[in-house]
Amino acid sequence: MLSIQGLEIDYLRAELKKMKEIHRIHEGVLVQSIYEWIMSNEGMGMGDAATTMEEAENIVKNWRIKCKNIK
C-alpha cells in the first residue's frame, strides 16, 4: 500500500512528464513559426528550406540557453 506522500510524488512525476512534453511541443511550434517567417520574409526558395529549418532550430536552442541563464 502506497502512502499519501508516495501517491503525491507519483502524481507530481506524472505532471512533470506532461509539462515536459507540452514544452517540447511548444518549442516545435516556435521553430516552425520562425522557419515560416524566415522563408516568407527573406525571399527563400525551396532549396533553402533545410538550412532555414536548421537556423530556426538554432535560434530556439540559443533562446533556451539564454532563458536558463536568467535568474
Protein backbone atom coordinates (compact mmCIF):
# COMPACT_ATOMS: atom_id res chain seq x y z
CA MET A 1 0.00 0.00 0.00
CA LEU A 2 1.36 3.38 -1.01
CA SER A 3 1.47 6.23 1.42
CA ILE A 4 -0.10 9.60 0.70
CA GLN A 5 3.39 11.02 0.21
CA GLY A 6 4.20 8.26 -2.30
CA LEU A 7 1.00 8.99 -4.24
CA GLU A 8 1.79 12.71 -4.25
CA ILE A 9 5.28 12.04 -5.60
CA ASP A 10 3.88 9.77 -8.32
CA TYR A 11 1.32 12.43 -9.25
CA LEU A 12 3.97 15.17 -9.40
CA ARG A 13 6.23 12.98 -11.56
CA ALA A 14 3.37 12.36 -13.97
CA GLU A 15 2.55 16.09 -14.11
CA LEU A 16 6.21 16.96 -14.70
CA LYS A 17 6.37 14.44 -17.53
CA LYS A 18 3.25 16.00 -19.11
CA MET A 19 4.68 19.51 -18.77
CA LYS A 20 7.96 18.47 -20.38
CA GLU A 21 6.03 17.03 -23.34
CA ILE A 22 3.94 20.19 -23.67
CA HIS A 23 7.11 22.30 -23.51
CA ARG A 24 8.70 20.17 -26.27
CA ILE A 25 5.62 20.66 -28.45
CA HIS A 26 5.63 24.43 -27.82
CA GLU A 27 9.29 24.65 -28.83
CA GLY A 28 8.45 22.77 -32.03
CA VAL A 29 5.70 25.28 -32.78
CA LEU A 30 8.14 28.12 -32.15
CA VAL A 31 10.71 26.58 -34.51
CA GLN A 32 8.05 26.15 -37.19
CA SER A 33 6.85 29.74 -36.79
CA ILE A 34 10.39 31.13 -37.07
CA TYR A 35 11.03 28.91 -40.10
CA GLU A 36 7.88 30.13 -41.84
CA TRP A 37 8.68 33.75 -41.05
CA ILE A 38 12.22 33.46 -42.44
CA MET A 39 11.01 31.65 -45.57
CA SER A 40 8.30 34.22 -46.32
CA ASN A 41 10.13 37.41 -45.37
CA GLU A 42 13.61 36.69 -46.66
CA GLY A 43 12.55 35.51 -50.11
CA MET A 44 13.88 32.00 -49.57
CA GLY A 45 13.16 29.22 -52.05
CA MET A 46 12.66 25.51 -51.51
CA GLY A 47 16.40 24.97 -51.96
CA ASP A 48 16.95 26.98 -48.79
CA ALA A 49 14.42 25.04 -46.70
CA ALA A 50 16.87 22.72 -44.92
CA THR A 51 19.31 25.45 -43.92
CA THR A 52 16.43 27.71 -42.89
CA MET A 53 15.00 24.97 -40.63
CA GLU A 54 18.44 24.46 -39.08
CA GLU A 55 18.71 28.20 -38.48
CA ALA A 56 15.26 28.28 -36.84
CA GLU A 57 16.28 25.36 -34.59
CA ASN A 58 19.50 27.18 -33.66
CA ILE A 59 17.57 30.34 -32.80
CA VAL A 60 15.31 28.38 -30.43
CA LYS A 61 18.29 26.49 -28.99
CA ASN A 62 20.09 29.78 -28.24
CA TRP A 63 16.89 31.24 -26.79
CA ARG A 64 16.55 28.22 -24.49
CA ILE A 65 20.16 28.66 -23.29
CA LYS A 66 19.58 32.36 -22.59
CA CYS A 67 16.40 31.57 -20.65
CA LYS A 68 18.25 29.05 -18.47
CA ASN A 69 20.87 31.67 -17.59
CA ILE A 70 18.28 34.17 -16.32
CA LYS A 71 17.99 34.00 -12.57
